[in-house]
Amino acid sequence: MIHLKKLLVIMSLSSVANAWQISTGDFKSWQNSLTIEPSVAIELNKFFAQNSSSVSYAEQFSVLMKDKVFTEALAALAATKQSTMPCPKFSSVQFPGQMTHKNDPVLSSMANAFESEMLRIETLDCLGHVDLEKVFNVFMSAEFQRKAINGLKPFTPDQTTNQVCQQASVIGLGNSAYCFTQKIWKDADTIVIHSFNESNKPNVSAPVYFREVITVFKRTQQNEILVYNLAYGRGPNLPLHSFVKSTVQKQQARLIELLIEASGP
């Protein structure tokens, strides 16, 4: 079985497999073309035991979060251009609490119940003078994922749908088995991966109710590669928030070390 910290890493990554279908062209057009799959809200609503009264909240939340993650990610990347550092770094792990419907008399209680344990992870790291395509290929490879996430059970990638299904046993929480889909866009200097959870295997004890991730690899003016990651995840209630934050930050640092090592000359 893998430890709680492994589950946190799994929830925060949008990766695995190779030769995915990749979009090119205008970024804004690609972003606008991304749709919210009904399965996202269906999985979220399992938190409320499929209560019909929570369907509206689940549907609205999935739409709001897609806009939120793109807005936050693009703002963070724009800020890097204003930085005095050639390749800035930062790390933030939070439980932001209720984010939506605070003044809604009907949906506020549902929002508070679901969002109070939402985990938000945002990191920016510099990989140095490495090749953009090589970094991407390493990050997406099964070999790298097995090395970065010890104990991850076999997963099944479907390149025709850009979907990955994987399983994990988490000490203290139970078993997880879920599938997520990735949408990928690239140009000469940037690769963007948008990932979202779509399904859980029936009768698992530690389902992933919601998971949305944006990972960006970008070449700077100094020809260095930075990697930005923004993840929102909601699974079972996580004990000891301070421990969770510390664990995620340590795991992120280790993942970057491995990525630099594997992407070097």
Protein backbone atom coordinates (compact mmCIF):
# COMPACT_ATOMS: atom_id res chain seq x y z
CA MET A 1 0.00 0.00 0.00
CA ILE A 2 1.10 3.53 -0.54
CA HIS A 3 1.18 6.23 2.11
CA LEU A 4 -1.08 9.28 2.32
CA LYS A 5 1.65 11.42 0.77
CA LYS A 6 1.53 9.28 -2.39
CA LEU A 7 -2.20 10.00 -2.76
CA LEU A 8 -1.46 13.72 -2.49
CA VAL A 9 1.08 13.53 -5.30
CA ILE A 10 -1.30 11.51 -7.47
CA MET A 11 -4.05 14.10 -6.98
CA SER A 12 -1.70 16.94 -7.91
CA LEU A 13 -0.29 15.61 -11.18
CA SER A 14 -1.64 15.68 -14.70
CA SER A 15 0.59 13.17 -16.36
CA VAL A 16 1.36 9.57 -17.39
CA ALA A 17 1.75 7.79 -20.74
CA ASN A 18 3.01 9.06 -24.08
CA ALA A 19 2.00 9.94 -27.66
CA TRP A 20 -1.18 11.70 -26.57
CA GLN A 21 -3.33 13.62 -28.98
CA ILE A 22 -2.03 17.20 -28.87
CA SER A 23 -3.73 20.36 -30.13
CA THR A 24 -1.95 23.29 -31.72
CA GLY A 25 -3.00 26.66 -33.12
CA ASP A 26 -4.48 29.59 -31.22
CA PHE A 27 -4.37 29.00 -27.45
CA LYS A 28 -7.48 31.03 -26.63
CA SER A 29 -9.50 29.14 -29.22
CA TRP A 30 -8.32 25.85 -27.73
CA GLN A 31 -9.16 27.00 -24.20
CA ASN A 32 -12.64 28.11 -25.26
CA SER A 33 -13.23 24.78 -26.99
CA LEU A 34 -12.74 22.80 -23.79
CA THR A 35 -16.05 21.50 -22.51
CA ILE A 36 -17.14 20.37 -19.06
CA GLU A 37 -17.89 16.68 -19.30
CA PRO A 38 -21.11 15.67 -17.47
CA SER A 39 -19.10 12.96 -15.72
CA VAL A 40 -17.21 15.60 -13.70
CA ALA A 41 -20.39 16.74 -11.95
CA ILE A 42 -21.62 13.15 -11.61
CA GLU A 43 -18.48 12.12 -9.73
CA LEU A 44 -18.62 15.24 -7.56
CA ASN A 45 -22.23 14.54 -6.63
CA LYS A 46 -21.21 11.16 -5.22
CA PHE A 47 -19.91 13.13 -2.24
CA PHE A 48 -23.55 13.97 -1.50
CA ALA A 49 -24.62 10.34 -2.00
CA GLN A 50 -26.22 11.19 -5.34
CA ASN A 51 -28.71 13.51 -3.67
CA SER A 52 -30.90 15.09 -6.35
CA SER A 53 -30.91 18.41 -4.49
CA SER A 54 -27.14 18.74 -4.92
CA VAL A 55 -27.08 18.24 -8.70
CA SER A 56 -27.31 21.98 -9.34
CA TYR A 57 -24.37 22.69 -7.05
CA ALA A 58 -22.23 19.96 -8.65
CA GLU A 59 -22.93 21.22 -12.17
CA GLN A 60 -22.28 24.86 -11.29
CA PHE A 61 -19.10 24.05 -9.36
CA SER A 62 -17.53 22.14 -12.25
CA VAL A 63 -18.10 25.10 -14.59
CA LEU A 64 -16.82 27.66 -12.08
CA MET A 65 -13.68 25.65 -11.37
CA LYS A 66 -12.69 25.27 -15.02
CA ASP A 67 -12.78 29.05 -15.39
CA LYS A 68 -11.05 29.52 -12.04
CA VAL A 69 -8.06 27.28 -12.73
CA PHE A 70 -7.39 28.84 -16.12
CA THR A 71 -7.74 32.37 -14.76
CA GLU A 72 -5.40 31.68 -11.86
CA ALA A 73 -2.85 29.81 -13.98
CA LEU A 74 -2.67 32.46 -16.68
CA ALA A 75 -2.38 35.23 -14.09
CA ALA A 76 0.49 33.43 -12.35
CA LEU A 77 2.33 32.86 -15.62
CA ALA A 78 1.84 36.50 -16.62
CA ALA A 79 3.35 37.56 -13.28
CA THR A 80 6.53 35.62 -14.04
CA LYS A 81 7.20 38.00 -16.90
CA GLN A 82 7.29 40.90 -14.43
CA SER A 83 9.64 39.12 -12.04
CA THR A 84 13.22 40.36 -11.64
CA MET A 85 14.31 36.72 -11.40
CA PRO A 86 14.99 35.04 -14.76
CA CYS A 87 13.27 31.84 -13.62
CA PRO A 88 11.29 32.43 -10.38
CA LYS A 89 10.14 29.71 -7.99
CA PHE A 90 7.35 29.40 -5.42
CA SER A 91 5.22 26.80 -3.69
CA SER A 92 1.81 27.12 -2.04
CA VAL A 93 -0.27 24.35 -0.46
CA GLN A 94 -3.59 25.42 1.04
CA PHE A 95 -7.02 24.37 2.15
CA PRO A 96 -8.77 27.54 0.91
CA GLY A 97 -12.15 26.72 2.41
CA GLN A 98 -15.45 27.69 0.86
CA MET A 99 -14.89 29.43 -2.48
CA THR A 100 -18.34 29.57 -4.07
CA HIS A 101 -21.98 30.41 -3.27
CA LYS A 102 -21.18 32.12 0.04
CA ASN A 103 -24.31 34.27 -0.17
CA ASP A 104 -26.60 31.68 -1.71
CA PRO A 105 -29.21 30.54 0.87
CA VAL A 106 -29.70 27.22 -0.94
CA LEU A 107 -26.23 26.22 -2.11
CA SER A 108 -24.01 27.76 0.56
CA SER A 109 -24.24 24.81 2.99
CA MET A 110 -23.40 22.34 0.21
CA ALA A 111 -20.48 24.46 -0.91
CA ASN A 112 -19.13 24.66 2.61
CA ALA A 113 -19.44 20.91 3.15
CA PHE A 114 -17.62 20.04 -0.06
CA GLU A 115 -15.10 22.87 -0.34
CA SER A 116 -13.95 22.95 3.29
CA GLU A 117 -11.62 20.00 2.57
CA MET A 118 -10.61 21.07 -0.94
CA LEU A 119 -6.83 20.92 -1.39
CA ARG A 120 -5.13 23.57 -3.54
CA ILE A 121 -1.55 23.10 -4.72
CA GLU A 122 0.30 25.73 -6.76
CA THR A 123 3.98 25.49 -7.63
CA LEU A 124 6.45 27.12 -9.98
CA ASP A 125 9.87 25.61 -10.52
CA CYS A 126 12.83 26.19 -12.80
CA LEU A 127 14.33 23.20 -14.62
CA GLY A 128 17.25 25.08 -16.12
CA HIS A 129 18.59 24.80 -19.66
CA VAL A 130 16.89 21.59 -20.73
CA ASP A 131 15.04 20.62 -23.89
CA LEU A 132 11.29 21.37 -23.80
CA GLU A 133 10.27 18.28 -25.75
CA LYS A 134 12.50 16.02 -23.68
CA VAL A 135 11.08 17.39 -20.41
CA PHE A 136 7.54 16.77 -21.65
CA ASN A 137 8.32 13.24 -22.82
CA VAL A 138 10.02 12.39 -19.52
CA PHE A 139 7.18 13.83 -17.45
CA MET A 140 4.57 11.91 -19.41
CA SER A 141 6.43 8.60 -19.35
CA ALA A 142 5.34 5.62 -17.28
CA GLU A 143 8.93 5.09 -16.15
CA PHE A 144 9.12 8.56 -14.62
CA GLN A 145 5.74 8.19 -12.93
CA ARG A 146 6.75 4.90 -11.32
CA LYS A 147 9.94 6.50 -10.03
CA ALA A 148 8.21 9.65 -8.77
CA ILE A 149 5.25 7.84 -7.16
CA ASN A 150 6.49 4.67 -5.47
CA GLY A 151 3.80 2.04 -5.09
CA LEU A 152 1.48 3.32 -7.80
CA LYS A 153 -0.44 0.32 -9.10
CA PRO A 154 -0.61 -0.49 -12.83
CA PHE A 155 -2.55 2.04 -14.83
CA THR A 156 -4.29 1.87 -18.20
CA PRO A 157 -3.75 4.72 -20.67
CA ASP A 158 -6.05 5.17 -23.66
CA GLN A 159 -4.35 7.40 -26.20
CA THR A 160 -7.46 7.70 -28.36
CA THR A 161 -9.38 9.42 -25.55
CA ASN A 162 -6.42 10.92 -23.63
CA GLN A 163 -7.60 9.07 -20.54
CA VAL A 164 -5.68 7.30 -17.77
CA CYS A 165 -7.16 4.87 -15.25
CA GLN A 166 -5.13 3.99 -12.15
CA GLN A 167 -5.47 2.44 -8.72
CA ALA A 168 -3.88 2.99 -5.33
CA SER A 169 -4.25 1.70 -1.79
CA VAL A 170 -3.78 4.47 0.76
CA ILE A 171 -2.96 3.68 4.38
CA GLY A 172 -5.60 5.12 6.68
CA LEU A 173 -7.99 6.06 3.88
CA GLY A 174 -8.61 2.94 1.80
CA ASN A 175 -8.60 2.12 -1.91
CA SER A 176 -8.81 4.53 -4.84
CA ALA A 177 -9.48 3.59 -8.45
CA TYR A 178 -10.31 6.38 -10.85
CA CYS A 179 -9.89 7.70 -14.39
CA PHE A 180 -8.88 11.16 -15.54
CA THR A 181 -8.72 12.80 -18.96
CA GLN A 182 -6.04 15.15 -20.24
CA LYS A 183 -6.29 17.83 -22.90
CA ILE A 184 -2.93 19.01 -24.27
CA TRP A 185 -1.95 22.11 -26.25
CA LYS A 186 1.46 23.18 -27.46
CA ASP A 187 3.39 25.67 -29.54
CA ALA A 188 7.14 26.16 -30.04
CA ASP A 189 7.75 27.45 -26.50
CA THR A 190 4.86 26.21 -24.35
CA ILE A 191 3.05 22.97 -23.49
CA VAL A 192 -0.19 23.08 -21.49
CA ILE A 193 -1.86 20.02 -19.94
CA HIS A 194 -5.40 20.35 -18.57
CA SER A 195 -6.50 17.32 -16.55
CA PHE A 196 -9.82 16.47 -14.90
CA ASN A 197 -11.26 13.47 -13.07
CA GLU A 198 -14.07 11.62 -14.84
CA SER A 199 -14.89 8.42 -12.99
CA ASN A 200 -14.34 6.28 -9.92
CA LYS A 201 -14.56 2.51 -9.77
CA PRO A 202 -17.68 1.45 -7.83
CA ASN A 203 -17.40 0.66 -4.14
CA VAL A 204 -13.97 2.19 -3.53
CA SER A 205 -13.38 3.47 0.00
CA ALA A 206 -11.31 6.53 -0.98
CA PRO A 207 -12.88 8.04 -4.12
CA VAL A 208 -11.57 11.15 -5.84
CA TYR A 209 -14.69 13.31 -6.03
CA PHE A 210 -13.02 16.17 -7.86
CA ARG A 211 -9.61 16.74 -9.39
CA GLU A 212 -8.62 19.46 -11.86
CA VAL A 213 -5.04 20.24 -12.77
CA ILE A 214 -3.19 22.56 -15.12
CA THR A 215 0.49 21.86 -15.78
CA VAL A 216 2.52 24.20 -17.99
CA PHE A 217 6.03 23.79 -19.37
CA LYS A 218 7.34 27.06 -20.77
CA ARG A 219 10.58 28.26 -22.33
CA THR A 220 11.76 31.60 -20.90
CA GLN A 221 13.62 34.38 -22.70
CA GLN A 222 16.80 33.01 -21.14
CA ASN A 223 16.05 29.65 -22.80
CA GLU A 224 15.35 27.96 -19.48
CA ILE A 225 12.31 25.76 -18.89
CA LEU A 226 9.91 26.52 -16.07
CA VAL A 227 7.15 24.21 -14.94
CA TYR A 228 3.97 25.58 -13.38
CA ASN A 229 1.39 23.37 -11.69
CA LEU A 230 -2.02 24.29 -10.27
CA ALA A 231 -4.17 21.55 -8.77
CA TYR A 232 -7.49 21.45 -6.93
CA GLY A 233 -8.48 18.11 -5.44
CA ARG A 234 -11.19 16.69 -3.18
CA GLY A 235 -11.16 13.15 -1.90
CA PRO A 236 -11.87 11.83 1.59
CA ASN A 237 -11.38 14.27 4.45
CA LEU A 238 -7.65 14.61 5.08
CA PRO A 239 -6.44 14.65 8.70
CA LEU A 240 -3.69 16.95 9.98
CA HIS A 241 -3.68 19.75 7.42
CA SER A 242 -0.25 20.97 8.50
CA PHE A 243 1.20 17.52 7.85
CA VAL A 244 -0.47 17.41 4.44
CA LYS A 245 1.05 20.76 3.47
CA SER A 246 4.54 19.75 4.55
CA THR A 247 4.30 16.41 2.79
CA VAL A 248 3.14 17.89 -0.51
CA GLN A 249 5.94 20.46 -0.53
CA LYS A 250 8.59 17.80 0.11
CA GLN A 251 7.17 15.53 -2.57
CA GLN A 252 7.03 18.37 -5.08
CA ALA A 253 10.69 19.18 -4.44
CA ARG A 254 11.61 15.54 -4.94
CA LEU A 255 9.61 15.32 -8.17
CA ILE A 256 11.41 18.37 -9.59
CA GLU A 257 14.78 16.89 -8.66
CA LEU A 258 13.91 13.70 -10.53
CA LEU A 259 12.59 15.64 -13.53
CA ILE A 260 15.78 17.71 -13.80
CA GLU A 261 17.91 14.59 -13.43
CA ALA A 262 16.02 12.67 -16.12
CA SER A 263 15.81 15.63 -18.53
CA GLY A 264 19.48 16.54 -18.46
CA PRO A 265 22.04 15.88 -21.20
